[in-house]
Amino acid sequence: MPSDFSDKTMMFKVQAEEVKKARDILHQVYNSLMEKGYNPINQLVGYLLSGDPAYITSYGNARNLIRQLERDELLEELVKSYLKQE
């Protein structure tokens, strides 16, 4: 009989260098979106919710940069940053 892990809490850890990379990429993508006249918050939320890279401009290589990261890495960085500001 297979064991059921649905009642277990999973641990998720991201290495420090991955966090720095995620932060740097988010800043670069944000700046590219601003330079092109987009609302970077709306565009990033659209990308994070849908996974569709079309929300991110190709200007400044932003689309390729954002696709280097998993969306869960980006979400973790955003949540940590938000909670540190409280």
C-alpha atoms as a PDB file:
ATOM      1  CA  MET A   1       0.000   0.000   0.000  1.00  0.00           C
ATOM      2  CA  PRO A   2       1.528   3.397  -1.002  1.00  0.00           C
ATOM      3  CA  SER A   3       2.072   5.804   1.864  1.00  0.00           C
ATOM      4  CA  ASP A   4      -0.016   8.951   1.904  1.00  0.00           C
ATOM      5  CA  PHE A   5       1.991  12.123   2.518  1.00  0.00           C
ATOM      6  CA  SER A   6      -0.935  14.516   2.123  1.00  0.00           C
ATOM      7  CA  ASP A   7      -0.941  15.252   5.863  1.00  0.00           C
ATOM      8  CA  LYS A   8       2.795  16.047   5.955  1.00  0.00           C
ATOM      9  CA  THR A   9       4.263  19.547   5.709  1.00  0.00           C
ATOM     10  CA  MET A  10       6.847  19.859   2.967  1.00  0.00           C
ATOM     11  CA  MET A  11       9.992  21.947   3.506  1.00  0.00           C
ATOM     12  CA  PHE A  12      11.088  24.289   0.730  1.00  0.00           C
ATOM     13  CA  LYS A  13      14.497  25.987   0.821  1.00  0.00           C
ATOM     14  CA  VAL A  14      16.196  28.295  -1.625  1.00  0.00           C
ATOM     15  CA  GLN A  15      19.952  28.832  -1.529  1.00  0.00           C
ATOM     16  CA  ALA A  16      21.281  32.345  -0.815  1.00  0.00           C
ATOM     17  CA  GLU A  17      22.833  32.718  -4.284  1.00  0.00           C
ATOM     18  CA  GLU A  18      19.479  31.838  -5.876  1.00  0.00           C
ATOM     19  CA  VAL A  19      17.798  34.565  -3.812  1.00  0.00           C
ATOM     20  CA  LYS A  20      20.329  37.155  -4.948  1.00  0.00           C
ATOM     21  CA  LYS A  21      19.894  36.036  -8.550  1.00  0.00           C
ATOM     22  CA  ALA A  22      16.097  36.268  -8.254  1.00  0.00           C
ATOM     23  CA  ARG A  23      16.333  39.736  -6.696  1.00  0.00           C
ATOM     24  CA  ASP A  24      18.726  40.974  -9.385  1.00  0.00           C
ATOM     25  CA  ILE A  25      16.574  39.606 -12.193  1.00  0.00           C
ATOM     26  CA  LEU A  26      13.405  41.125 -10.709  1.00  0.00           C
ATOM     27  CA  HIS A  27      15.094  44.537 -10.572  1.00  0.00           C
ATOM     28  CA  GLN A  28      16.334  44.266 -14.164  1.00  0.00           C
ATOM     29  CA  VAL A  29      12.927  43.164 -15.454  1.00  0.00           C
ATOM     30  CA  TYR A  30      11.181  45.891 -13.453  1.00  0.00           C
ATOM     31  CA  ASN A  31      13.487  48.528 -14.942  1.00  0.00           C
ATOM     32  CA  SER A  32      12.982  47.241 -18.494  1.00  0.00           C
ATOM     33  CA  LEU A  33       9.208  47.328 -18.061  1.00  0.00           C
ATOM     34  CA  MET A  34       9.389  50.894 -16.683  1.00  0.00           C
ATOM     35  CA  GLU A  35      11.611  52.048 -19.544  1.00  0.00           C
ATOM     36  CA  LYS A  36       9.121  50.701 -22.075  1.00  0.00           C
ATOM     37  CA  GLY A  37       6.241  52.501 -20.343  1.00  0.00           C
ATOM     38  CA  TYR A  38       4.495  49.481 -18.835  1.00  0.00           C
ATOM     39  CA  ASN A  39       3.175  49.224 -15.296  1.00  0.00           C
ATOM     40  CA  PRO A  40       5.764  46.744 -13.998  1.00  0.00           C
ATOM     41  CA  ILE A  41       3.666  45.584 -11.050  1.00  0.00           C
ATOM     42  CA  ASN A  42       0.700  44.686 -13.257  1.00  0.00           C
ATOM     43  CA  GLN A  43       2.921  42.961 -15.794  1.00  0.00           C
ATOM     44  CA  LEU A  44       4.815  40.942 -13.188  1.00  0.00           C
ATOM     45  CA  VAL A  45       1.586  39.886 -11.469  1.00  0.00           C
ATOM     46  CA  GLY A  46       0.178  38.794 -14.822  1.00  0.00           C
ATOM     47  CA  TYR A  47       3.287  36.738 -15.474  1.00  0.00           C
ATOM     48  CA  LEU A  48       3.363  35.189 -11.994  1.00  0.00           C
ATOM     49  CA  LEU A  49      -0.312  34.221 -12.126  1.00  0.00           C
ATOM     50  CA  SER A  50      -0.374  32.886 -15.666  1.00  0.00           C
ATOM     51  CA  GLY A  51       3.189  31.814 -16.405  1.00  0.00           C
ATOM     52  CA  ASP A  52       2.835  33.509 -19.782  1.00  0.00           C
ATOM     53  CA  PRO A  53       6.116  35.266 -20.658  1.00  0.00           C
ATOM     54  CA  ALA A  54       4.241  37.579 -23.057  1.00  0.00           C
ATOM     55  CA  TYR A  55       3.517  39.773 -20.016  1.00  0.00           C
ATOM     56  CA  ILE A  56       7.228  40.626 -19.915  1.00  0.00           C
ATOM     57  CA  THR A  57       8.838  42.798 -22.562  1.00  0.00           C
ATOM     58  CA  SER A  58      11.725  41.425 -24.573  1.00  0.00           C
ATOM     59  CA  TYR A  59      13.379  44.850 -24.225  1.00  0.00           C
ATOM     60  CA  GLY A  60      16.644  44.633 -22.299  1.00  0.00           C
ATOM     61  CA  ASN A  61      16.500  40.841 -22.500  1.00  0.00           C
ATOM     62  CA  ALA A  62      13.892  40.950 -19.701  1.00  0.00           C
ATOM     63  CA  ARG A  63      11.801  38.063 -21.025  1.00  0.00           C
ATOM     64  CA  ASN A  64      14.800  35.745 -21.262  1.00  0.00           C
ATOM     65  CA  LEU A  65      15.990  36.802 -17.824  1.00  0.00           C
ATOM     66  CA  ILE A  66      12.671  36.153 -16.087  1.00  0.00           C
ATOM     67  CA  ARG A  67      12.431  32.724 -17.686  1.00  0.00           C
ATOM     68  CA  GLN A  68      15.728  31.728 -16.040  1.00  0.00           C
ATOM     69  CA  LEU A  69      13.863  31.525 -12.743  1.00  0.00           C
ATOM     70  CA  GLU A  70      11.066  29.336 -11.534  1.00  0.00           C
ATOM     71  CA  ARG A  71       7.976  31.295 -10.575  1.00  0.00           C
ATOM     72  CA  ASP A  72       8.116  29.813  -7.063  1.00  0.00           C
ATOM     73  CA  GLU A  73      11.593  31.368  -6.634  1.00  0.00           C
ATOM     74  CA  LEU A  74      10.212  34.752  -7.600  1.00  0.00           C
ATOM     75  CA  LEU A  75       7.203  34.396  -5.330  1.00  0.00           C
ATOM     76  CA  GLU A  76       9.393  33.433  -2.395  1.00  0.00           C
ATOM     77  CA  GLU A  77      11.596  36.481  -2.891  1.00  0.00           C
ATOM     78  CA  LEU A  78       8.564  38.762  -3.109  1.00  0.00           C
ATOM     79  CA  VAL A  79       6.915  37.348   0.015  1.00  0.00           C
ATOM     80  CA  LYS A  80      10.140  37.598   2.019  1.00  0.00           C
ATOM     81  CA  SER A  81      10.706  41.160   0.911  1.00  0.00           C
ATOM     82  CA  TYR A  82       7.134  42.153   1.722  1.00  0.00           C
ATOM     83  CA  LEU A  83       7.187  40.633   5.187  1.00  0.00           C
ATOM     84  CA  LYS A  84      10.529  42.263   6.057  1.00  0.00           C
ATOM     85  CA  GLN A  85       8.996  45.690   5.426  1.00  0.00           C
ATOM     86  CA  GLU A  86       6.242  45.333   8.029  1.00  0.00           C
END
